[in-house]
Structures are given as structure tokens and as C-alpha cells.
PDB file of N, CA and C in Angstrom:
ATOM      1  N   MET A   1      46.026 121.257 159.876  1.00  0.00           N
ATOM      2  CA  MET A   1      44.855 121.602 159.120  1.00  0.00           C
ATOM      3  C   MET A   1      44.834 123.107 158.867  1.00  0.00           C
ATOM      4  N   PRO A   2      44.928 123.542 157.541  1.00  0.00           N
ATOM      5  CA  PRO A   2      44.975 125.029 157.306  1.00  0.00           C
ATOM      6  C   PRO A   2      43.661 125.744 157.793  1.00  0.00           C
ATOM      7  N   ARG A   3      43.919 127.016 158.149  1.00  0.00           N
ATOM      8  CA  ARG A   3      42.838 127.771 158.621  1.00  0.00           C
ATOM      9  C   ARG A   3      41.987 128.403 157.487  1.00  0.00           C
ATOM     10  N   LEU A   4      40.752 128.560 157.649  1.00  0.00           N
ATOM     11  CA  LEU A   4      39.803 129.213 156.721  1.00  0.00           C
ATOM     12  C   LEU A   4      40.206 130.603 156.312  1.00  0.00           C
ATOM     13  N   PRO A   5      40.176 131.082 155.127  1.00  0.00           N
ATOM     14  CA  PRO A   5      40.532 132.476 154.890  1.00  0.00           C
ATOM     15  C   PRO A   5      39.500 133.300 155.633  1.00  0.00           C
ATOM     16  N   HIS A   6      39.926 134.576 156.020  1.00  0.00           N
ATOM     17  CA  HIS A   6      38.948 135.480 156.772  1.00  0.00           C
ATOM     18  C   HIS A   6      38.490 134.924 158.078  1.00  0.00           C
ATOM     19  N   SER A   7      39.277 134.161 158.871  1.00  0.00           N
ATOM     20  CA  SER A   7      38.833 133.540 160.033  1.00  0.00           C
ATOM     21  C   SER A   7      39.789 133.841 161.245  1.00  0.00           C
ATOM     22  N   SER A   8      40.827 134.758 160.972  1.00  0.00           N
ATOM     23  CA  SER A   8      41.748 135.154 162.034  1.00  0.00           C
ATOM     24  C   SER A   8      40.943 135.915 163.091  1.00  0.00           C
ATOM     25  N   PRO A   9      41.267 135.843 164.376  1.00  0.00           N
ATOM     26  CA  PRO A   9      40.694 136.546 165.475  1.00  0.00           C
ATOM     27  C   PRO A   9      40.374 138.041 165.114  1.00  0.00           C
ATOM     28  N   GLN A  10      41.419 138.581 164.484  1.00  0.00           N
ATOM     29  CA  GLN A  10      41.394 140.106 164.187  1.00  0.00           C
ATOM     30  C   GLN A  10      40.389 140.375 163.035  1.00  0.00           C
ATOM     31  N   THR A  11      40.471 139.471 161.956  1.00  0.00           N
ATOM     32  CA  THR A  11      39.475 139.664 160.991  1.00  0.00           C
ATOM     33  C   THR A  11      37.982 139.355 161.534  1.00  0.00           C
ATOM     34  N   LEU A  12      37.884 138.523 162.331  1.00  0.00           N
ATOM     35  CA  LEU A  12      36.544 138.250 162.841  1.00  0.00           C
ATOM     36  C   LEU A  12      36.026 139.396 163.610  1.00  0.00           C
ATOM     37  N   ARG A  13      36.896 140.071 164.496  1.00  0.00           N
ATOM     38  CA  ARG A  13      36.550 141.256 165.212  1.00  0.00           C
ATOM     39  C   ARG A  13      36.017 142.305 164.293  1.00  0.00           C
ATOM     40  N   LEU A  14      36.754 142.502 163.180  1.00  0.00           N
ATOM     41  CA  LEU A  14      36.432 143.542 162.303  1.00  0.00           C
ATOM     42  C   LEU A  14      35.097 143.238 161.598  1.00  0.00           C
ATOM     43  N   LEU A  15      34.967 142.010 161.147  1.00  0.00           N
ATOM     44  CA  LEU A  15      33.678 141.638 160.449  1.00  0.00           C
ATOM     45  C   LEU A  15      32.474 141.665 161.476  1.00  0.00           C
ATOM     46  N   SER A  16      32.743 141.467 162.643  1.00  0.00           N
ATOM     47  CA  SER A  16      31.715 141.593 163.671  1.00  0.00           C
ATOM     48  C   SER A  16      31.173 142.965 163.838  1.00  0.00           C
ATOM     49  N   ALA A  17      32.145 143.968 163.812  1.00  0.00           N
ATOM     50  CA  ALA A  17      31.819 145.259 163.905  1.00  0.00           C
ATOM     51  C   ALA A  17      31.097 145.839 162.689  1.00  0.00           C
ATOM     52  N   LEU A  18      31.586 145.341 161.571  1.00  0.00           N
ATOM     53  CA  LEU A  18      30.850 145.868 160.323  1.00  0.00           C
ATOM     54  C   LEU A  18      29.574 145.210 160.079  1.00  0.00           C
ATOM     55  N   ILE A  19      29.282 144.039 160.418  1.00  0.00           N
ATOM     56  CA  ILE A  19      28.124 143.252 160.245  1.00  0.00           C
ATOM     57  C   ILE A  19      27.019 143.950 161.146  1.00  0.00           C
ATOM     58  N   ALA A  20      27.267 144.574 162.189  1.00  0.00           N
ATOM     59  CA  ALA A  20      26.315 145.138 163.065  1.00  0.00           C
ATOM     60  C   ALA A  20      25.406 146.147 162.371  1.00  0.00           C
ATOM     61  N   ASP A  21      25.915 146.818 161.366  1.00  0.00           N
ATOM     62  CA  ASP A  21      25.153 147.783 160.536  1.00  0.00           C
ATOM     63  C   ASP A  21      25.849 147.737 159.079  1.00  0.00           C
ATOM     64  N   PRO A  22      25.625 146.744 158.281  1.00  0.00           N
ATOM     65  CA  PRO A  22      26.415 146.553 157.123  1.00  0.00           C
ATOM     66  C   PRO A  22      26.196 147.699 156.033  1.00  0.00           C
ATOM     67  N   GLN A  23      25.114 148.474 156.210  1.00  0.00           N
ATOM     68  CA  GLN A  23      24.928 149.597 155.220  1.00  0.00           C
ATOM     69  C   GLN A  23      25.671 150.830 155.706  1.00  0.00           C
ATOM     70  N   GLN A  24      26.146 150.913 156.838  1.00  0.00           N
ATOM     71  CA  GLN A  24      26.756 152.192 157.333  1.00  0.00           C
ATOM     72  C   GLN A  24      28.094 152.301 156.866  1.00  0.00           C
ATOM     73  N   TRP A  25      28.428 153.498 156.401  1.00  0.00           N
ATOM     74  CA  TRP A  25      29.863 153.772 156.028  1.00  0.00           C
ATOM     75  C   TRP A  25      30.644 154.002 157.460  1.00  0.00           C
ATOM     76  N   ARG A  26      31.815 153.418 157.580  1.00  0.00           N
ATOM     77  CA  ARG A  26      32.555 153.552 158.808  1.00  0.00           C
ATOM     78  C   ARG A  26      34.018 154.040 158.526  1.00  0.00           C
ATOM     79  N   TYR A  27      34.499 154.903 159.421  1.00  0.00           N
ATOM     80  CA  TYR A  27      35.872 155.295 159.251  1.00  0.00           C
ATOM     81  C   TYR A  27      36.841 154.260 160.001  1.00  0.00           C
ATOM     82  N   GLY A  28      38.075 154.220 159.451  1.00  0.00           N
ATOM     83  CA  GLY A  28      39.070 153.330 160.006  1.00  0.00           C
ATOM     84  C   GLY A  28      39.271 153.490 161.537  1.00  0.00           C
ATOM     85  N   TYR A  29      39.407 154.877 161.821  1.00  0.00           N
ATOM     86  CA  TYR A  29      39.677 155.227 163.217  1.00  0.00           C
ATOM     87  C   TYR A  29      38.539 154.722 164.179  1.00  0.00           C
ATOM     88  N   GLU A  30      37.407 154.872 163.652  1.00  0.00           N
ATOM     89  CA  GLU A  30      36.214 154.398 164.567  1.00  0.00           C
ATOM     90  C   GLU A  30      36.193 152.869 164.595  1.00  0.00           C
ATOM     91  N   LEU A  31      36.598 152.153 163.531  1.00  0.00           N
ATOM     92  CA  LEU A  31      36.683 150.734 163.649  1.00  0.00           C
ATOM     93  C   LEU A  31      37.805 150.234 164.574  1.00  0.00           C
ATOM     94  N   SER A  32      38.897 151.039 164.465  1.00  0.00           N
ATOM     95  CA  SER A  32      40.090 150.675 165.385  1.00  0.00           C
ATOM     96  C   SER A  32      39.661 150.838 166.800  1.00  0.00           C
ATOM     97  N   LYS A  33      38.951 151.823 167.222  1.00  0.00           N
ATOM     98  CA  LYS A  33      38.537 151.951 168.537  1.00  0.00           C
ATOM     99  C   LYS A  33      37.505 150.971 168.979  1.00  0.00           C
ATOM    100  N   GLU A  34      36.615 150.669 168.131  1.00  0.00           N
ATOM    101  CA  GLU A  34      35.531 149.651 168.368  1.00  0.00           C
ATOM    102  C   GLU A  34      36.070 148.186 168.465  1.00  0.00           C
ATOM    103  N   THR A  35      37.141 147.901 167.659  1.00  0.00           N
ATOM    104  CA  THR A  35      37.630 146.521 167.627  1.00  0.00           C
ATOM    105  C   THR A  35      38.760 146.329 168.517  1.00  0.00           C
ATOM    106  N   ASN A  36      39.381 147.488 168.990  1.00  0.00           N
ATOM    107  CA  ASN A  36      40.639 147.559 169.715  1.00  0.00           C
ATOM    108  C   ASN A  36      41.806 146.906 168.865  1.00  0.00           C
ATOM    109  N   LEU A  37      41.796 147.174 167.550  1.00  0.00           N
ATOM    110  CA  LEU A  37      42.851 146.721 166.583  1.00  0.00           C
ATOM    111  C   LEU A  37      43.802 147.898 166.332  1.00  0.00           C
ATOM    112  N   ALA A  38      44.952 147.697 166.304  1.00  0.00           N
ATOM    113  CA  ALA A  38      45.898 148.752 166.061  1.00  0.00           C
ATOM    114  C   ALA A  38      45.978 148.966 164.544  1.00  0.00           C
ATOM    115  N   SER A  39      46.274 150.157 164.143  1.00  0.00           N
ATOM    116  CA  SER A  39      46.224 150.519 162.698  1.00  0.00           C
ATOM    117  C   SER A  39      47.065 149.570 161.781  1.00  0.00           C
ATOM    118  N   GLY A  40      48.270 149.105 162.434  1.00  0.00           N
ATOM    119  CA  GLY A  40      49.102 148.211 161.599  1.00  0.00           C
ATOM    120  C   GLY A  40      48.427 146.813 161.300  1.00  0.00           C
ATOM    121  N   THR A  41      47.436 146.505 162.214  1.00  0.00           N
ATOM    122  CA  THR A  41      46.692 145.220 161.993  1.00  0.00           C
ATOM    123  C   THR A  41      45.384 145.589 161.130  1.00  0.00           C
ATOM    124  N   LEU A  42      44.691 146.650 161.496  1.00  0.00           N
ATOM    125  CA  LEU A  42      43.412 146.990 160.973  1.00  0.00           C
ATOM    126  C   LEU A  42      43.543 147.284 159.497  1.00  0.00           C
ATOM    127  N   TYR A  43      44.418 148.270 159.074  1.00  0.00           N
ATOM    128  CA  TYR A  43      44.426 148.712 157.674  1.00  0.00           C
ATOM    129  C   TYR A  43      44.745 147.632 156.661  1.00  0.00           C
ATOM    130  N   PRO A  44      45.825 146.655 156.990  1.00  0.00           N
ATOM    131  CA  PRO A  44      46.070 145.656 156.012  1.00  0.00           C
ATOM    132  C   PRO A  44      44.808 144.710 155.906  1.00  0.00           C
ATOM    133  N   ILE A  45      44.050 144.477 156.854  1.00  0.00           N
ATOM    134  CA  ILE A  45      42.813 143.616 156.739  1.00  0.00           C
ATOM    135  C   ILE A  45      41.834 144.488 155.933  1.00  0.00           C
ATOM    136  N   LEU A  46      41.586 145.655 156.149  1.00  0.00           N
ATOM    137  CA  LEU A  46      40.738 146.579 155.370  1.00  0.00           C
ATOM    138  C   LEU A  46      41.017 146.554 153.799  1.00  0.00           C
ATOM    139  N   MET A  47      42.394 146.622 153.538  1.00  0.00           N
ATOM    140  CA  MET A  47      42.890 146.653 152.140  1.00  0.00           C
ATOM    141  C   MET A  47      42.622 145.225 151.534  1.00  0.00           C
ATOM    142  N   ARG A  48      42.965 144.261 152.232  1.00  0.00           N
ATOM    143  CA  ARG A  48      42.784 142.813 151.730  1.00  0.00           C
ATOM    144  C   ARG A  48      41.217 142.613 151.501  1.00  0.00           C
ATOM    145  N   LEU A  49      40.331 142.871 152.464  1.00  0.00           N
ATOM    146  CA  LEU A  49      38.999 142.702 152.153  1.00  0.00           C
ATOM    147  C   LEU A  49      38.445 143.644 150.957  1.00  0.00           C
ATOM    148  N   SER A  50      39.072 144.761 150.863  1.00  0.00           N
ATOM    149  CA  SER A  50      38.602 145.719 149.653  1.00  0.00           C
ATOM    150  C   SER A  50      39.032 145.047 148.438  1.00  0.00           C
ATOM    151  N   ASP A  51      40.312 144.610 148.375  1.00  0.00           N
ATOM    152  CA  ASP A  51      40.850 144.080 147.125  1.00  0.00           C
ATOM    153  C   ASP A  51      40.174 142.883 146.679  1.00  0.00           C
ATOM    154  N   GLN A  52      39.469 142.147 147.551  1.00  0.00           N
ATOM    155  CA  GLN A  52      38.696 140.905 147.339  1.00  0.00           C
ATOM    156  C   GLN A  52      37.206 141.276 147.131  1.00  0.00           C
ATOM    157  N   LYS A  53      36.925 142.558 147.010  1.00  0.00           N
ATOM    158  CA  LYS A  53      35.485 142.990 146.757  1.00  0.00           C
ATOM    159  C   LYS A  53      34.466 142.692 147.893  1.00  0.00           C
ATOM    160  N   LEU A  54      35.097 142.565 149.079  1.00  0.00           N
ATOM    161  CA  LEU A  54      34.120 142.212 150.232  1.00  0.00           C
ATOM    162  C   LEU A  54      33.857 143.445 150.990  1.00  0.00           C
ATOM    163  N   LEU A  55      34.608 144.513 150.603  1.00  0.00           N
ATOM    164  CA  LEU A  55      34.261 145.870 151.168  1.00  0.00           C
ATOM    165  C   LEU A  55      34.234 146.958 150.149  1.00  0.00           C
ATOM    166  N   GLU A  56      33.420 147.830 150.196  1.00  0.00           N
ATOM    167  CA  GLU A  56      33.255 149.020 149.464  1.00  0.00           C
ATOM    168  C   GLU A  56      34.082 150.133 150.084  1.00  0.00           C
ATOM    169  N   THR A  57      34.781 150.972 149.450  1.00  0.00           N
ATOM    170  CA  THR A  57      35.470 152.092 150.016  1.00  0.00           C
ATOM    171  C   THR A  57      35.139 153.243 149.241  1.00  0.00           C
ATOM    172  N   ARG A  58      35.293 154.433 149.955  1.00  0.00           N
ATOM    173  CA  ARG A  58      35.036 155.794 149.288  1.00  0.00           C
ATOM    174  C   ARG A  58      35.762 156.849 150.130  1.00  0.00           C
ATOM    175  N   TRP A  59      36.157 157.890 149.488  1.00  0.00           N
ATOM    176  CA  TRP A  59      36.718 159.077 150.180  1.00  0.00           C
ATOM    177  C   TRP A  59      35.565 160.024 150.563  1.00  0.00           C
ATOM    178  N   GLU A  60      35.598 160.402 151.784  1.00  0.00           N
ATOM    179  CA  GLU A  60      34.729 161.464 152.321  1.00  0.00           C
ATOM    180  C   GLU A  60      35.325 162.746 152.718  1.00  0.00           C
ATOM    181  N   PRO A  61      34.907 163.810 152.196  1.00  0.00           N
ATOM    182  CA  PRO A  61      35.550 165.087 152.527  1.00  0.00           C
ATOM    183  C   PRO A  61      35.342 165.463 153.938  1.00  0.00           C
ATOM    184  N   SER A  62      36.314 166.090 154.547  1.00  0.00           N
ATOM    185  CA  SER A  62      36.224 166.479 155.921  1.00  0.00           C
ATOM    186  C   SER A  62      35.320 167.594 156.145  1.00  0.00           C
ATOM    187  N   ASP A  63      34.674 167.712 157.258  1.00  0.00           N
ATOM    188  CA  ASP A  63      33.764 168.675 157.608  1.00  0.00           C
ATOM    189  C   ASP A  63      34.599 169.907 158.111  1.00  0.00           C
ATOM    190  N   GLU A  64      35.821 169.733 158.527  1.00  0.00           N
ATOM    191  CA  GLU A  64      36.715 170.803 159.026  1.00  0.00           C
ATOM    192  C   GLU A  64      37.599 171.324 157.869  1.00  0.00           C
ATOM    193  N   PRO A  65      37.653 172.630 157.634  1.00  0.00           N
ATOM    194  CA  PRO A  65      38.483 173.168 156.693  1.00  0.00           C
ATOM    195  C   PRO A  65      40.041 172.748 156.955  1.00  0.00           C
ATOM    196  N   GLY A  66      40.780 172.511 155.928  1.00  0.00           N
ATOM    197  CA  GLY A  66      42.102 172.177 156.037  1.00  0.00           C
ATOM    198  C   GLY A  66      42.364 170.699 156.361  1.00  0.00           C
ATOM    199  N   ARG A  67      41.394 169.983 156.745  1.00  0.00           N
ATOM    200  CA  ARG A  67      41.606 168.560 157.016  1.00  0.00           C
ATOM    201  C   ARG A  67      41.427 167.678 155.739  1.00  0.00           C
ATOM    202  N   PRO A  68      42.357 166.696 155.609  1.00  0.00           N
ATOM    203  CA  PRO A  68      42.233 165.874 154.374  1.00  0.00           C
ATOM    204  C   PRO A  68      40.904 164.943 154.416  1.00  0.00           C
ATOM    205  N   PRO A  69      40.503 164.570 153.267  1.00  0.00           N
ATOM    206  CA  PRO A  69      39.328 163.618 153.151  1.00  0.00           C
ATOM    207  C   PRO A  69      39.789 162.369 153.979  1.00  0.00           C
ATOM    208  N   ARG A  70      38.737 161.536 154.279  1.00  0.00           N
ATOM    209  CA  ARG A  70      38.855 160.316 155.002  1.00  0.00           C
ATOM    210  C   ARG A  70      38.288 159.246 154.222  1.00  0.00           C
ATOM    211  N   HIS A  71      38.983 158.104 154.298  1.00  0.00           N
ATOM    212  CA  HIS A  71      38.565 156.767 153.670  1.00  0.00           C
ATOM    213  C   HIS A  71      37.418 156.163 154.568  1.00  0.00           C
ATOM    214  N   THR A  72      36.365 155.757 154.003  1.00  0.00           N
ATOM    215  CA  THR A  72      35.299 155.045 154.649  1.00  0.00           C
ATOM    216  C   THR A  72      35.133 153.748 154.076  1.00  0.00           C
ATOM    217  N   TYR A  73      34.425 152.766 154.809  1.00  0.00           N
ATOM    218  CA  TYR A  73      34.336 151.386 154.416  1.00  0.00           C
ATOM    219  C   TYR A  73      32.936 150.884 154.884  1.00  0.00           C
ATOM    220  N   ARG A  74      32.388 149.968 154.028  1.00  0.00           N
ATOM    221  CA  ARG A  74      31.296 149.193 154.424  1.00  0.00           C
ATOM    222  C   ARG A  74      31.285 147.852 153.629  1.00  0.00           C
ATOM    223  N   LEU A  75      30.533 146.902 154.163  1.00  0.00           N
ATOM    224  CA  LEU A  75      30.620 145.540 153.534  1.00  0.00           C
ATOM    225  C   LEU A  75      29.750 145.571 152.245  1.00  0.00           C
ATOM    226  N   THR A  76      30.233 144.866 151.280  1.00  0.00           N
ATOM    227  CA  THR A  76      29.421 144.602 150.148  1.00  0.00           C
ATOM    228  C   THR A  76      28.476 143.438 150.453  1.00  0.00           C
ATOM    229  N   ALA A  77      27.527 143.152 149.614  1.00  0.00           N
ATOM    230  CA  ALA A  77      26.605 141.930 149.763  1.00  0.00           C
ATOM    231  C   ALA A  77      27.392 140.756 150.006  1.00  0.00           C
ATOM    232  N   ASP A  78      28.428 140.405 149.248  1.00  0.00           N
ATOM    233  CA  ASP A  78      29.303 139.286 149.342  1.00  0.00           C
ATOM    234  C   ASP A  78      29.966 139.284 150.683  1.00  0.00           C
ATOM    235  N   GLY A  79      30.404 140.499 151.144  1.00  0.00           N
ATOM    236  CA  GLY A  79      31.151 140.617 152.337  1.00  0.00           C
ATOM    237  C   GLY A  79      30.304 140.325 153.557  1.00  0.00           C
ATOM    238  N   ALA A  80      29.027 140.803 153.431  1.00  0.00           N
ATOM    239  CA  ALA A  80      28.115 140.585 154.537  1.00  0.00           C
ATOM    240  C   ALA A  80      27.714 139.096 154.612  1.00  0.00           C
ATOM    241  N   ALA A  81      27.576 138.476 153.498  1.00  0.00           N
ATOM    242  CA  ALA A  81      27.395 137.033 153.464  1.00  0.00           C
ATOM    243  C   ALA A  81      28.468 136.314 154.108  1.00  0.00           C
ATOM    244  N   LEU A  82      29.771 136.707 153.699  1.00  0.00           N
ATOM    245  CA  LEU A  82      30.967 136.013 154.345  1.00  0.00           C
ATOM    246  C   LEU A  82      30.966 136.291 155.758  1.00  0.00           C
ATOM    247  N   ALA A  83      30.792 137.482 156.224  1.00  0.00           N
ATOM    248  CA  ALA A  83      30.882 137.857 157.684  1.00  0.00           C
ATOM    249  C   ALA A  83      29.829 137.002 158.488  1.00  0.00           C
ATOM    250  N   GLU A  84      28.631 136.846 158.002  1.00  0.00           N
ATOM    251  CA  GLU A  84      27.621 136.176 158.683  1.00  0.00           C
ATOM    252  C   GLU A  84      27.951 134.672 158.741  1.00  0.00           C
ATOM    253  N   GLN A  85      28.521 134.098 157.646  1.00  0.00           N
ATOM    254  CA  GLN A  85      28.974 132.685 157.664  1.00  0.00           C
ATOM    255  C   GLN A  85      30.176 132.457 158.561  1.00  0.00           C
ATOM    256  N   ARG A  86      31.208 133.356 158.430  1.00  0.00           N
ATOM    257  CA  ARG A  86      32.387 133.038 159.404  1.00  0.00           C
ATOM    258  C   ARG A  86      31.960 133.293 160.779  1.00  0.00           C
ATOM    259  N   LEU A  87      31.105 134.315 161.137  1.00  0.00           N
ATOM    260  CA  LEU A  87      30.775 134.509 162.487  1.00  0.00           C
ATOM    261  C   LEU A  87      29.917 133.373 163.092  1.00  0.00           C
ATOM    262  N   ARG A  88      29.147 132.790 162.179  1.00  0.00           N
ATOM    263  CA  ARG A  88      28.247 131.784 162.604  1.00  0.00           C
ATOM    264  C   ARG A  88      28.887 130.364 162.819  1.00  0.00           C
ATOM    265  N   THR A  89      29.996 130.112 162.025  1.00  0.00           N
ATOM    266  CA  THR A  89      30.624 128.775 162.041  1.00  0.00           C
ATOM    267  C   THR A  89      31.881 128.813 162.825  1.00  0.00           C
ATOM    268  N   THR A  90      32.394 129.968 163.405  1.00  0.00           N
ATOM    269  CA  THR A  90      33.553 130.089 164.081  1.00  0.00           C
ATOM    270  C   THR A  90      33.237 129.629 165.483  1.00  0.00           C
ATOM    271  N   SER A  91      34.063 128.677 166.086  1.00  0.00           N
ATOM    272  CA  SER A  91      33.742 128.336 167.310  1.00  0.00           C
ATOM    273  C   SER A  91      34.146 129.247 168.525  1.00  0.00           C
ATOM    274  N   THR A  92      35.074 130.081 168.130  1.00  0.00           N
ATOM    275  CA  THR A  92      35.524 131.149 169.170  1.00  0.00           C
ATOM    276  C   THR A  92      34.960 132.464 168.672  1.00  0.00           C
ATOM    277  N   ALA A  93      33.943 132.920 169.250  1.00  0.00           N
ATOM    278  CA  ALA A  93      33.239 134.083 168.867  1.00  0.00           C
ATOM    279  C   ALA A  93      34.164 135.285 169.290  1.00  0.00           C
ATOM    280  N   PRO A  94      34.321 136.387 168.389  1.00  0.00           N
ATOM    281  CA  PRO A  94      35.135 137.479 168.686  1.00  0.00           C
ATOM    282  C   PRO A  94      34.584 138.345 169.869  1.00  0.00           C
ATOM    283  N   VAL A  95      35.488 138.742 170.490  1.00  0.00           N
ATOM    284  CA  VAL A  95      35.078 139.574 171.736  1.00  0.00           C
ATOM    285  C   VAL A  95      35.443 141.088 171.482  1.00  0.00           C
ATOM    286  N   LEU A  96      34.471 141.969 171.396  1.00  0.00           N
ATOM    287  CA  LEU A  96      34.829 143.278 171.272  1.00  0.00           C
ATOM    288  C   LEU A  96      35.074 144.104 172.530  1.00  0.00           C
ATOM    289  N   LYS A  97      36.062 144.822 172.518  1.00  0.00           N
ATOM    290  CA  LYS A  97      36.169 145.741 173.810  1.00  0.00           C
ATOM    291  C   LYS A  97      35.224 146.687 173.837  1.00  0.00           C
ATOM    292  N   PRO A  98      34.556 147.011 174.979  1.00  0.00           N
ATOM    293  CA  PRO A  98      33.552 147.988 175.111  1.00  0.00           C
ATOM    294  C   PRO A  98      33.959 149.354 174.827  1.00  0.00           C
ATOM    295  N   ARG A  99      33.280 150.169 174.102  1.00  0.00           N
ATOM    296  CA  ARG A  99      33.694 151.536 173.926  1.00  0.00           C
ATOM    297  C   ARG A  99      33.693 152.320 175.210  1.00  0.00           C
ATOM    298  N   THR A 100      34.759 153.227 175.128  1.00  0.00           N
ATOM    299  CA  THR A 100      34.778 154.164 176.314  1.00  0.00           C
ATOM    300  C   THR A 100      34.469 155.606 175.805  1.00  0.00           C
ATOM    301  N   ALA A 101      33.842 156.347 176.702  1.00  0.00           N
ATOM    302  CA  ALA A 101      33.479 157.710 176.256  1.00  0.00           C
ATOM    303  C   ALA A 101      34.629 158.590 176.246  1.00  0.00           C
TER     304      ALA A 101
END
């Protein structure tokens, strides 16, 4: 039986983090720390969700001189609806690693 799109454990961890505050713009690094996903896993998921119009993306200038702008992400209305549906119907709820200070 084929798996539903956007239901891998890694995607569910990301969707869970994003749906906590769907209007908030989030940095990839912040999402990586919160979900405990490596960049090689996280960024392809972010790009795929963005290509499917489930995430909005924008560049945000750095507060520090000489630092490059950073990409930020947040769920679209369709992305939030998908996240709620996938997280509600998935039998294995994603487990987020607690943040460390």
C-alpha cells in the first residue's frame, strides 16, 4: 500500500513545528534545531513544500552587517490545512526533540 504524500516521519515533524504558529516566519536553522532534522533532510522537504505552494518563502536581510540574507518559511492556508489533516490522521504522531538552551 503506497504511503500518502507528505506523511513521512520527517515531513510530519516539520509540519508539526510549522503548524504550532502558522503565521510566524521561521528560519531553516531554527526549524532544524526544533525538529532535529539535518539540513540534508530538512531543506529538500522545505523546497518540495514550497514548490507545491504549501509554504511561503521570503528572503530576510540580516541584522548583522556583512551577513547574507536568510530564507524564511511559513505555511500557506493550503499548507496549514494539509498539516492539520496529516497530523490528525497519522497513527504515529511525530515526536519533537525538546529544545536545549
